[in-house]
Amino acid sequence: MPAPKSLFNPSALAFAVFAAVMAFPEAAHAQGGGGLFDSFTNLLTALVDVLTGVWARLVGIIAIFVAGILWLSGRLEMRHFIAVIGGLILVFGAAAIVDGVAGAV
């Protein structure tokens, strides 16, 4: 007894997808202009916004608060407290530092 034929036909599926793409070109949502790295640039811009935005500022305030309390209670050395402050200065001053270096070149 021969095996029953499958209802799945790859050629018919490929033709149906091709026909749908040709019938509805606006569904492609292609972005005009731009280059190869536009989506990557948008990703990095969003990352910089997150790392230097409101949430980062709030985390920085909490970090300074906790480090200050620990330092005042004698549980944190002064060099670690200065490291916390220096790290926050680098995080929030990174854009100005890079702009200064890029402007000097």
N, C-alpha and C. Protein backbone atom coordinates (compact mmCIF):
# COMPACT_ATOMS: atom_id res chain seq x y z
N MET A 1 0.84 -1.16 0.00
CA MET A 1 0.00 0.00 0.00
C MET A 1 0.90 1.24 0.00
N PRO A 2 0.71 2.18 -0.93
CA PRO A 2 1.56 3.37 -0.99
C PRO A 2 1.22 4.33 0.15
N ALA A 3 2.26 5.10 0.55
CA ALA A 3 2.07 6.09 1.62
C ALA A 3 1.17 7.21 1.12
N PRO A 4 0.33 7.75 1.99
CA PRO A 4 -0.56 8.84 1.56
C PRO A 4 0.25 10.09 1.22
N LYS A 5 -0.23 10.84 0.23
CA LYS A 5 0.45 12.06 -0.18
C LYS A 5 0.29 13.13 0.90
N SER A 6 1.34 13.88 1.07
CA SER A 6 1.31 14.98 2.03
C SER A 6 0.59 16.17 1.42
N LEU A 7 -0.12 16.90 2.25
CA LEU A 7 -0.79 18.11 1.79
C LEU A 7 0.16 19.29 1.70
N PHE A 8 1.35 19.15 2.30
CA PHE A 8 2.34 20.22 2.30
C PHE A 8 3.12 20.19 0.99
N ASN A 9 3.08 21.29 0.26
CA ASN A 9 3.79 21.41 -0.99
C ASN A 9 4.72 22.62 -0.89
N PRO A 10 6.03 22.42 -0.82
CA PRO A 10 6.94 23.55 -0.65
C PRO A 10 6.87 24.55 -1.79
N SER A 11 6.66 24.09 -3.00
CA SER A 11 6.58 25.02 -4.14
C SER A 11 5.36 25.91 -4.02
N ALA A 12 4.25 25.35 -3.61
CA ALA A 12 3.03 26.14 -3.46
C ALA A 12 3.19 27.16 -2.34
N LEU A 13 3.85 26.76 -1.24
CA LEU A 13 4.08 27.69 -0.14
C LEU A 13 4.98 28.83 -0.58
N ALA A 14 6.05 28.53 -1.29
CA ALA A 14 6.96 29.57 -1.76
C ALA A 14 6.24 30.53 -2.70
N PHE A 15 5.40 29.99 -3.59
CA PHE A 15 4.64 30.85 -4.50
C PHE A 15 3.65 31.73 -3.74
N ALA A 16 3.01 31.20 -2.69
CA ALA A 16 2.04 31.97 -1.92
C ALA A 16 2.74 33.11 -1.17
N VAL A 17 3.90 32.85 -0.60
CA VAL A 17 4.66 33.90 0.09
C VAL A 17 5.10 34.97 -0.89
N PHE A 18 5.61 34.56 -2.05
CA PHE A 18 6.04 35.50 -3.08
C PHE A 18 4.87 36.36 -3.54
N ALA A 19 3.71 35.76 -3.75
CA ALA A 19 2.54 36.50 -4.20
C ALA A 19 2.08 37.50 -3.14
N ALA A 20 2.14 37.10 -1.87
CA ALA A 20 1.74 38.00 -0.79
C ALA A 20 2.69 39.20 -0.69
N VAL A 21 3.97 38.94 -0.83
CA VAL A 21 4.96 40.03 -0.77
C VAL A 21 4.76 40.99 -1.93
N MET A 22 4.48 40.46 -3.11
CA MET A 22 4.29 41.31 -4.28
C MET A 22 2.96 42.07 -4.20
N ALA A 23 1.96 41.49 -3.57
CA ALA A 23 0.65 42.13 -3.49
C ALA A 23 0.61 43.24 -2.44
N PHE A 24 1.40 43.10 -1.37
CA PHE A 24 1.39 44.07 -0.27
C PHE A 24 2.79 44.59 0.01
N PRO A 25 3.36 45.42 -0.86
CA PRO A 25 4.74 45.88 -0.64
C PRO A 25 4.87 46.82 0.55
N GLU A 26 3.77 47.50 0.95
CA GLU A 26 3.88 48.41 2.09
C GLU A 26 4.07 47.66 3.40
N ALA A 27 3.82 46.38 3.41
CA ALA A 27 3.99 45.59 4.63
C ALA A 27 5.47 45.35 4.96
N ALA A 28 6.35 45.71 4.06
CA ALA A 28 7.78 45.50 4.31
C ALA A 28 8.32 46.44 5.37
N HIS A 29 7.68 47.60 5.55
CA HIS A 29 8.10 48.59 6.55
C HIS A 29 9.57 48.95 6.39
N ALA A 30 10.04 49.07 5.19
CA ALA A 30 11.44 49.40 4.96
C ALA A 30 11.68 50.86 5.31
N GLN A 31 12.84 51.12 5.90
CA GLN A 31 13.20 52.48 6.23
C GLN A 31 13.93 53.09 5.04
N GLY A 32 13.56 54.28 4.72
CA GLY A 32 14.21 54.95 3.59
C GLY A 32 15.56 55.53 3.99
N GLY A 33 16.42 55.70 3.01
CA GLY A 33 17.73 56.29 3.26
C GLY A 33 18.55 55.44 4.20
N GLY A 34 19.34 56.09 4.99
CA GLY A 34 20.11 55.39 6.01
C GLY A 34 21.18 54.50 5.43
N GLY A 35 21.97 54.00 6.30
CA GLY A 35 23.04 53.13 5.88
C GLY A 35 22.96 51.78 6.53
N LEU A 36 24.03 51.10 6.44
CA LEU A 36 24.10 49.74 6.94
C LEU A 36 24.00 49.68 8.47
N PHE A 37 24.54 50.69 9.15
CA PHE A 37 24.64 50.63 10.60
C PHE A 37 23.62 51.50 11.33
N ASP A 38 22.55 51.93 10.64
CA ASP A 38 21.57 52.80 11.30
C ASP A 38 20.90 52.12 12.48
N SER A 39 20.50 50.87 12.34
CA SER A 39 19.84 50.21 13.46
C SER A 39 20.80 50.00 14.63
N PHE A 40 22.06 49.72 14.33
CA PHE A 40 23.06 49.57 15.39
C PHE A 40 23.31 50.91 16.08
N THR A 41 23.33 51.98 15.30
CA THR A 41 23.51 53.31 15.88
C THR A 41 22.33 53.66 16.78
N ASN A 42 21.13 53.32 16.36
CA ASN A 42 19.94 53.56 17.19
C ASN A 42 20.01 52.76 18.49
N LEU A 43 20.51 51.53 18.40
CA LEU A 43 20.66 50.71 19.60
C LEU A 43 21.65 51.33 20.57
N LEU A 44 22.79 51.78 20.05
CA LEU A 44 23.80 52.39 20.92
C LEU A 44 23.30 53.71 21.52
N THR A 45 22.56 54.48 20.74
CA THR A 45 21.99 55.72 21.26
C THR A 45 21.01 55.44 22.39
N ALA A 46 20.18 54.43 22.23
CA ALA A 46 19.24 54.06 23.29
C ALA A 46 19.99 53.59 24.54
N LEU A 47 21.08 52.85 24.33
CA LEU A 47 21.89 52.38 25.47
C LEU A 47 22.51 53.55 26.22
N VAL A 48 23.05 54.52 25.49
CA VAL A 48 23.63 55.70 26.13
C VAL A 48 22.55 56.47 26.89
N ASP A 49 21.37 56.58 26.32
CA ASP A 49 20.27 57.27 27.00
C ASP A 49 19.90 56.57 28.30
N VAL A 50 19.90 55.24 28.29
CA VAL A 50 19.58 54.49 29.51
C VAL A 50 20.67 54.66 30.55
N LEU A 51 21.94 54.60 30.11
CA LEU A 51 23.06 54.65 31.06
C LEU A 51 23.31 56.04 31.62
N THR A 52 22.81 57.08 30.95
CA THR A 52 23.03 58.44 31.45
C THR A 52 21.72 59.17 31.70
N GLY A 53 20.61 58.47 31.68
CA GLY A 53 19.30 59.11 31.84
C GLY A 53 18.87 59.19 33.29
N VAL A 54 17.56 59.28 33.46
CA VAL A 54 16.96 59.48 34.78
C VAL A 54 17.24 58.30 35.71
N TRP A 55 17.10 57.08 35.18
CA TRP A 55 17.33 55.90 36.03
C TRP A 55 18.77 55.84 36.52
N ALA A 56 19.70 56.14 35.65
CA ALA A 56 21.12 56.13 36.05
C ALA A 56 21.38 57.20 37.10
N ARG A 57 20.74 58.34 36.95
CA ARG A 57 20.91 59.42 37.93
C ARG A 57 20.39 58.98 39.29
N LEU A 58 19.24 58.32 39.30
CA LEU A 58 18.69 57.84 40.57
C LEU A 58 19.58 56.78 41.21
N VAL A 59 20.12 55.87 40.41
CA VAL A 59 21.03 54.85 40.94
C VAL A 59 22.29 55.52 41.48
N GLY A 60 22.77 56.55 40.80
CA GLY A 60 23.95 57.29 41.28
C GLY A 60 23.69 57.98 42.61
N ILE A 61 22.52 58.57 42.75
CA ILE A 61 22.18 59.22 44.02
C ILE A 61 22.12 58.20 45.14
N ILE A 62 21.51 57.05 44.86
CA ILE A 62 21.43 56.00 45.88
C ILE A 62 22.82 55.47 46.22
N ALA A 63 23.69 55.33 45.21
CA ALA A 63 25.06 54.84 45.46
C ALA A 63 25.83 55.80 46.34
N ILE A 64 25.73 57.09 46.08
CA ILE A 64 26.42 58.08 46.92
C ILE A 64 25.85 58.08 48.33
N PHE A 65 24.53 57.95 48.44
CA PHE A 65 23.89 57.91 49.75
C PHE A 65 24.38 56.72 50.57
N VAL A 66 24.36 55.53 49.95
CA VAL A 66 24.80 54.32 50.66
C VAL A 66 26.28 54.40 51.00
N ALA A 67 27.10 54.85 50.05
CA ALA A 67 28.54 54.97 50.31
C ALA A 67 28.79 55.99 51.43
N GLY A 68 28.04 57.08 51.45
CA GLY A 68 28.21 58.07 52.51
C GLY A 68 27.85 57.52 53.88
N ILE A 69 26.75 56.79 53.94
CA ILE A 69 26.35 56.19 55.23
C ILE A 69 27.39 55.18 55.69
N LEU A 70 27.87 54.33 54.76
CA LEU A 70 28.89 53.34 55.13
C LEU A 70 30.19 54.02 55.57
N TRP A 71 30.56 55.11 54.89
CA TRP A 71 31.79 55.81 55.25
C TRP A 71 31.66 56.47 56.62
N LEU A 72 30.50 57.07 56.87
CA LEU A 72 30.29 57.72 58.17
C LEU A 72 30.26 56.71 59.31
N SER A 73 29.79 55.51 59.04
CA SER A 73 29.74 54.50 60.10
C SER A 73 31.05 53.73 60.23
N GLY A 74 32.02 54.04 59.39
CA GLY A 74 33.33 53.41 59.49
C GLY A 74 33.43 52.07 58.79
N ARG A 75 32.48 51.73 57.97
CA ARG A 75 32.48 50.45 57.27
C ARG A 75 33.01 50.55 55.85
N LEU A 76 33.39 51.73 55.43
CA LEU A 76 33.90 51.93 54.07
C LEU A 76 35.12 52.84 54.15
N GLU A 77 36.18 52.41 53.49
CA GLU A 77 37.39 53.23 53.48
C GLU A 77 37.20 54.43 52.57
N MET A 78 37.97 55.46 52.85
CA MET A 78 37.86 56.69 52.07
C MET A 78 38.17 56.45 50.59
N ARG A 79 39.12 55.56 50.29
CA ARG A 79 39.48 55.33 48.89
C ARG A 79 38.33 54.67 48.13
N HIS A 80 37.55 53.83 48.79
CA HIS A 80 36.39 53.23 48.12
C HIS A 80 35.29 54.27 47.89
N PHE A 81 35.13 55.16 48.87
CA PHE A 81 34.15 56.25 48.71
C PHE A 81 34.54 57.15 47.54
N ILE A 82 35.83 57.45 47.44
CA ILE A 82 36.32 58.27 46.32
C ILE A 82 36.17 57.52 45.00
N ALA A 83 36.34 56.20 45.02
CA ALA A 83 36.15 55.40 43.80
C ALA A 83 34.70 55.46 43.32
N VAL A 84 33.74 55.45 44.25
CA VAL A 84 32.33 55.57 43.88
C VAL A 84 32.08 56.93 43.23
N ILE A 85 32.58 57.98 43.84
CA ILE A 85 32.40 59.33 43.30
C ILE A 85 33.09 59.45 41.94
N GLY A 86 34.32 58.94 41.83
CA GLY A 86 35.05 58.99 40.56
C GLY A 86 34.35 58.20 39.46
N GLY A 87 33.79 57.05 39.80
CA GLY A 87 33.06 56.27 38.81
C GLY A 87 31.84 57.00 38.30
N LEU A 88 31.12 57.65 39.18
CA LEU A 88 29.95 58.42 38.75
C LEU A 88 30.35 59.61 37.89
N ILE A 89 31.46 60.25 38.23
CA ILE A 89 31.95 61.36 37.41
C ILE A 89 32.29 60.87 36.01
N LEU A 90 32.92 59.71 35.90
CA LEU A 90 33.25 59.16 34.58
C LEU A 90 32.01 58.76 33.80
N VAL A 91 31.04 58.16 34.47
CA VAL A 91 29.82 57.72 33.76
C VAL A 91 29.05 58.92 33.22
N PHE A 92 28.82 59.91 34.07
CA PHE A 92 28.01 61.05 33.63
C PHE A 92 28.81 62.08 32.85
N GLY A 93 30.13 62.05 32.96
CA GLY A 93 30.96 62.98 32.19
C GLY A 93 31.53 62.38 30.92
N ALA A 94 31.17 61.13 30.62
CA ALA A 94 31.75 60.43 29.47
C ALA A 94 31.47 61.16 28.17
N ALA A 95 30.26 61.65 27.98
CA ALA A 95 29.92 62.35 26.73
C ALA A 95 30.77 63.60 26.57
N ALA A 96 30.95 64.37 27.64
CA ALA A 96 31.76 65.59 27.56
C ALA A 96 33.23 65.26 27.32
N ILE A 97 33.70 64.17 27.94
CA ILE A 97 35.10 63.76 27.74
C ILE A 97 35.34 63.36 26.29
N VAL A 98 34.44 62.55 25.73
CA VAL A 98 34.59 62.11 24.34
C VAL A 98 34.46 63.30 23.39
N ASP A 99 33.52 64.19 23.64
CA ASP A 99 33.38 65.37 22.79
C ASP A 99 34.63 66.24 22.83
N GLY A 100 35.22 66.37 24.01
CA GLY A 100 36.45 67.16 24.13
C GLY A 100 37.61 66.54 23.38
N VAL A 101 37.74 65.23 23.49
CA VAL A 101 38.84 64.54 22.78
C VAL A 101 38.59 64.58 21.27
N ALA A 102 37.36 64.34 20.85
CA ALA A 102 37.05 64.34 19.41
C ALA A 102 37.19 65.75 18.84
N GLY A 103 36.88 66.77 19.62
CA GLY A 103 37.03 68.15 19.15
C GLY A 103 38.48 68.57 19.03
N ALA A 104 39.36 67.95 19.83
CA ALA A 104 40.78 68.29 19.79
C ALA A 104 41.48 67.63 18.62
N VAL A 105 40.87 66.59 18.04
CA VAL A 105 41.53 65.88 16.93
C VAL A 105 41.28 66.56 15.63
